[in-house]
């Protein structure tokens, strides 16, 4: 499992000081990008060196509790499935161990020039396999 700590900023919240619901998707994207960067594959390298981009094809979130201004949260990811041209992540947002949001995110891999489906480069598959759950 990979984890990224974040602090809730004013810009993340609504008038009540609660995180706006769509921002959880952005937090989950940040942790996916950080995971790849940590493995040596920043998205610019994936695009330029491997001619590959990732697109979200499915996202499902379940909201269990609110994060609020100045909260320190942790956003996690685990890879539940990797196929030829797609992968599925199970992601969570936690505050002090309390589950606030859990999500199921599916991504496809596309050729960066044609935007047609392409197999995920093997080196990236291996890097993500470290975070795989059964």
C-alpha atoms as a PDB file:
ATOM      1  CA  UNK A   1       0.000   0.000   0.000  1.00  0.00           C
ATOM      2  CA  UNK A   2       1.208   3.513  -0.804  1.00  0.00           C
ATOM      3  CA  UNK A   3       0.256   6.534   1.292  1.00  0.00           C
ATOM      4  CA  UNK A   4       0.523  10.314   0.971  1.00  0.00           C
ATOM      5  CA  UNK A   5      -0.100  12.782   3.832  1.00  0.00           C
ATOM      6  CA  UNK A   6      -2.034  15.973   3.031  1.00  0.00           C
ATOM      7  CA  UNK A   7      -3.320  18.953   4.991  1.00  0.00           C
ATOM      8  CA  UNK A   8      -6.727  20.377   4.118  1.00  0.00           C
ATOM      9  CA  UNK A   9      -6.394  23.952   2.846  1.00  0.00           C
ATOM     10  CA  UNK A  10      -9.033  26.666   2.733  1.00  0.00           C
ATOM     11  CA  UNK A  11      -9.308  26.286  -1.046  1.00  0.00           C
ATOM     12  CA  UNK A  12     -10.379  22.639  -0.565  1.00  0.00           C
ATOM     13  CA  UNK A  13     -13.454  23.460   1.496  1.00  0.00           C
ATOM     14  CA  UNK A  14     -16.967  24.781   1.038  1.00  0.00           C
ATOM     15  CA  UNK A  15     -18.578  27.594   3.037  1.00  0.00           C
ATOM     16  CA  UNK A  16     -18.984  25.289   6.045  1.00  0.00           C
ATOM     17  CA  UNK A  17     -15.259  24.438   6.134  1.00  0.00           C
ATOM     18  CA  UNK A  18     -15.876  20.882   4.904  1.00  0.00           C
ATOM     19  CA  UNK A  19     -13.933  19.387   1.992  1.00  0.00           C
ATOM     20  CA  UNK A  20     -15.917  19.742  -1.232  1.00  0.00           C
ATOM     21  CA  UNK A  21     -16.831  16.223  -2.362  1.00  0.00           C
ATOM     22  CA  UNK A  22     -15.097  16.370  -5.782  1.00  0.00           C
ATOM     23  CA  UNK A  23     -11.764  17.247  -4.173  1.00  0.00           C
ATOM     24  CA  UNK A  24     -11.409  13.692  -2.901  1.00  0.00           C
ATOM     25  CA  UNK A  25     -10.934  12.588  -6.522  1.00  0.00           C
ATOM     26  CA  UNK A  26      -8.088  15.108  -6.839  1.00  0.00           C
ATOM     27  CA  UNK A  27      -6.475  13.784  -3.646  1.00  0.00           C
ATOM     28  CA  UNK A  28      -6.686  10.246  -5.009  1.00  0.00           C
ATOM     29  CA  UNK A  29      -5.084  11.341  -8.266  1.00  0.00           C
ATOM     30  CA  UNK A  30      -2.271  13.019  -6.319  1.00  0.00           C
ATOM     31  CA  UNK A  31      -1.460   9.787  -4.506  1.00  0.00           C
ATOM     32  CA  UNK A  32      -1.481   7.801  -7.775  1.00  0.00           C
ATOM     33  CA  UNK A  33       0.924  10.316  -9.328  1.00  0.00           C
ATOM     34  CA  UNK A  34       3.126  10.324  -6.207  1.00  0.00           C
ATOM     35  CA  UNK A  35       3.259   6.528  -6.254  1.00  0.00           C
ATOM     36  CA  UNK A  36       4.475   6.481  -9.852  1.00  0.00           C
ATOM     37  CA  UNK A  37       6.938   9.324  -9.203  1.00  0.00           C
ATOM     38  CA  UNK A  38       8.277   7.471  -6.136  1.00  0.00           C
ATOM     39  CA  UNK A  39       8.879   4.416  -8.358  1.00  0.00           C
ATOM     40  CA  UNK A  40      10.850   6.539 -10.843  1.00  0.00           C
ATOM     41  CA  UNK A  41       8.033   7.122 -13.321  1.00  0.00           C
ATOM     42  CA  UNK A  42       6.796  10.720 -13.184  1.00  0.00           C
ATOM     43  CA  UNK A  43       3.912  11.176 -15.612  1.00  0.00           C
ATOM     44  CA  UNK A  44       6.012  13.314 -17.959  1.00  0.00           C
ATOM     45  CA  UNK A  45       8.493  10.439 -18.301  1.00  0.00           C
ATOM     46  CA  UNK A  46       5.713   7.918 -18.856  1.00  0.00           C
ATOM     47  CA  UNK A  47       4.338  10.132 -21.626  1.00  0.00           C
ATOM     48  CA  UNK A  48       7.668  11.060 -23.239  1.00  0.00           C
ATOM     49  CA  UNK A  49       9.711   7.867 -22.833  1.00  0.00           C
ATOM     50  CA  UNK A  50       6.947   5.248 -23.009  1.00  0.00           C
ATOM     51  CA  UNK A  51       4.414   7.129 -25.192  1.00  0.00           C
ATOM     52  CA  UNK A  52       1.713   6.258 -22.645  1.00  0.00           C
ATOM     53  CA  UNK A  53      -0.937   8.250 -20.788  1.00  0.00           C
ATOM     54  CA  UNK A  54      -3.463   7.165 -18.174  1.00  0.00           C
ATOM     55  CA  UNK A  55      -7.148   8.047 -18.228  1.00  0.00           C
ATOM     56  CA  UNK A  56      -9.786   7.393 -15.602  1.00  0.00           C
ATOM     57  CA  UNK A  57     -12.534   5.218 -17.064  1.00  0.00           C
ATOM     58  CA  UNK A  58     -14.484   4.582 -13.862  1.00  0.00           C
ATOM     59  CA  UNK A  59     -14.627   6.188 -10.426  1.00  0.00           C
ATOM     60  CA  UNK A  60     -16.810   5.233  -7.493  1.00  0.00           C
ATOM     61  CA  UNK A  61     -16.521   6.902  -4.084  1.00  0.00           C
ATOM     62  CA  UNK A  62     -18.284   6.221  -0.804  1.00  0.00           C
ATOM     63  CA  UNK A  63     -18.333   9.084   1.653  1.00  0.00           C
ATOM     64  CA  UNK A  64     -18.305   8.045   5.311  1.00  0.00           C
ATOM     65  CA  UNK A  65     -17.277  11.222   7.120  1.00  0.00           C
ATOM     66  CA  UNK A  66     -16.104  14.759   6.384  1.00  0.00           C
ATOM     67  CA  UNK A  67     -12.584  16.122   6.319  1.00  0.00           C
ATOM     68  CA  UNK A  68     -12.394  19.728   7.478  1.00  0.00           C
ATOM     69  CA  UNK A  69     -10.154  22.755   7.232  1.00  0.00           C
ATOM     70  CA  UNK A  70      -6.658  22.104   8.680  1.00  0.00           C
ATOM     71  CA  UNK A  71      -7.246  18.366   9.098  1.00  0.00           C
ATOM     72  CA  UNK A  72      -4.227  16.183   8.469  1.00  0.00           C
ATOM     73  CA  UNK A  73      -5.292  13.293   6.282  1.00  0.00           C
ATOM     74  CA  UNK A  74      -3.649  10.332   4.645  1.00  0.00           C
ATOM     75  CA  UNK A  75      -4.613   9.176   1.155  1.00  0.00           C
ATOM     76  CA  UNK A  76      -3.754   5.582   0.304  1.00  0.00           C
ATOM     77  CA  UNK A  77      -3.787   3.331  -2.693  1.00  0.00           C
ATOM     78  CA  UNK A  78      -3.574  -0.353  -3.316  1.00  0.00           C
ATOM     79  CA  UNK A  79      -3.630  -1.977  -6.741  1.00  0.00           C
ATOM     80  CA  UNK A  80      -6.355  -4.594  -6.933  1.00  0.00           C
ATOM     81  CA  UNK A  81      -5.991  -5.554 -10.592  1.00  0.00           C
ATOM     82  CA  UNK A  82      -3.643  -4.996 -13.513  1.00  0.00           C
ATOM     83  CA  UNK A  83      -4.595  -6.148 -16.973  1.00  0.00           C
ATOM     84  CA  UNK A  84      -3.074  -5.533 -20.390  1.00  0.00           C
ATOM     85  CA  UNK A  85      -4.305  -1.965 -20.830  1.00  0.00           C
ATOM     86  CA  UNK A  86      -6.052  -1.217 -17.537  1.00  0.00           C
ATOM     87  CA  UNK A  87      -5.637  -1.214 -13.785  1.00  0.00           C
ATOM     88  CA  UNK A  88      -7.905  -0.856 -10.771  1.00  0.00           C
ATOM     89  CA  UNK A  89      -7.016   0.959  -7.557  1.00  0.00           C
ATOM     90  CA  UNK A  90      -8.665   0.747  -4.158  1.00  0.00           C
ATOM     91  CA  UNK A  91      -8.107   4.093  -2.462  1.00  0.00           C
ATOM     92  CA  UNK A  92      -8.910   5.530   0.948  1.00  0.00           C
ATOM     93  CA  UNK A  93      -8.855   8.866   2.721  1.00  0.00           C
ATOM     94  CA  UNK A  94      -8.145   8.562   6.448  1.00  0.00           C
ATOM     95  CA  UNK A  95      -7.867  10.966   9.364  1.00  0.00           C
ATOM     96  CA  UNK A  96      -6.140   9.525  12.433  1.00  0.00           C
ATOM     97  CA  UNK A  97      -7.030   6.041  11.214  1.00  0.00           C
ATOM     98  CA  UNK A  98     -10.713   6.898  10.691  1.00  0.00           C
ATOM     99  CA  UNK A  99     -11.974   6.032   7.202  1.00  0.00           C
ATOM    100  CA  UNK A 100     -13.531   9.130   5.621  1.00  0.00           C
ATOM    101  CA  UNK A 101     -13.803   8.094   1.960  1.00  0.00           C
ATOM    102  CA  UNK A 102     -13.099   4.919   0.066  1.00  0.00           C
ATOM    103  CA  UNK A 103     -12.904   4.658  -3.680  1.00  0.00           C
ATOM    104  CA  UNK A 104     -12.622   2.284  -6.588  1.00  0.00           C
ATOM    105  CA  UNK A 105     -10.800   3.868  -9.546  1.00  0.00           C
ATOM    106  CA  UNK A 106     -10.197   2.197 -12.922  1.00  0.00           C
ATOM    107  CA  UNK A 107      -7.609   3.587 -15.336  1.00  0.00           C
ATOM    108  CA  UNK A 108      -6.841   2.699 -18.931  1.00  0.00           C
ATOM    109  CA  UNK A 109      -3.492   3.082 -20.654  1.00  0.00           C
ATOM    110  CA  UNK A 110      -3.511   4.886 -23.986  1.00  0.00           C
ATOM    111  CA  UNK A 111      -0.946   5.674 -26.651  1.00  0.00           C
ATOM    112  CA  UNK A 112       0.001   9.327 -26.063  1.00  0.00           C
ATOM    113  CA  UNK A 113      -0.056  10.138 -29.792  1.00  0.00           C
ATOM    114  CA  UNK A 114      -3.193   8.354 -30.981  1.00  0.00           C
ATOM    115  CA  UNK A 115      -5.131   8.021 -27.696  1.00  0.00           C
ATOM    116  CA  UNK A 116      -5.949   4.441 -28.619  1.00  0.00           C
ATOM    117  CA  UNK A 117      -5.620   1.656 -26.018  1.00  0.00           C
ATOM    118  CA  UNK A 118      -2.142   0.225 -25.545  1.00  0.00           C
ATOM    119  CA  UNK A 119      -0.569  -2.325 -23.247  1.00  0.00           C
ATOM    120  CA  UNK A 120       0.946  -0.938 -20.112  1.00  0.00           C
ATOM    121  CA  UNK A 121       4.755  -0.888 -20.300  1.00  0.00           C
ATOM    122  CA  UNK A 122       6.126  -3.858 -18.366  1.00  0.00           C
ATOM    123  CA  UNK A 123       8.439  -1.749 -16.164  1.00  0.00           C
ATOM    124  CA  UNK A 124       5.478   0.319 -14.965  1.00  0.00           C
ATOM    125  CA  UNK A 125       3.439  -2.827 -14.353  1.00  0.00           C
ATOM    126  CA  UNK A 126       6.263  -4.189 -12.203  1.00  0.00           C
ATOM    127  CA  UNK A 127       6.503  -0.925 -10.240  1.00  0.00           C
ATOM    128  CA  UNK A 128       2.757  -0.987  -9.497  1.00  0.00           C
ATOM    129  CA  UNK A 129       2.833  -4.688  -8.591  1.00  0.00           C
ATOM    130  CA  UNK A 130       4.613  -3.715  -5.340  1.00  0.00           C
ATOM    131  CA  UNK A 131       1.323  -2.185  -4.178  1.00  0.00           C
ATOM    132  CA  UNK A 132      -0.911  -5.029  -5.280  1.00  0.00           C
ATOM    133  CA  UNK A 133      -3.451  -6.619  -2.958  1.00  0.00           C
ATOM    134  CA  UNK A 134      -5.180  -9.916  -3.529  1.00  0.00           C
END
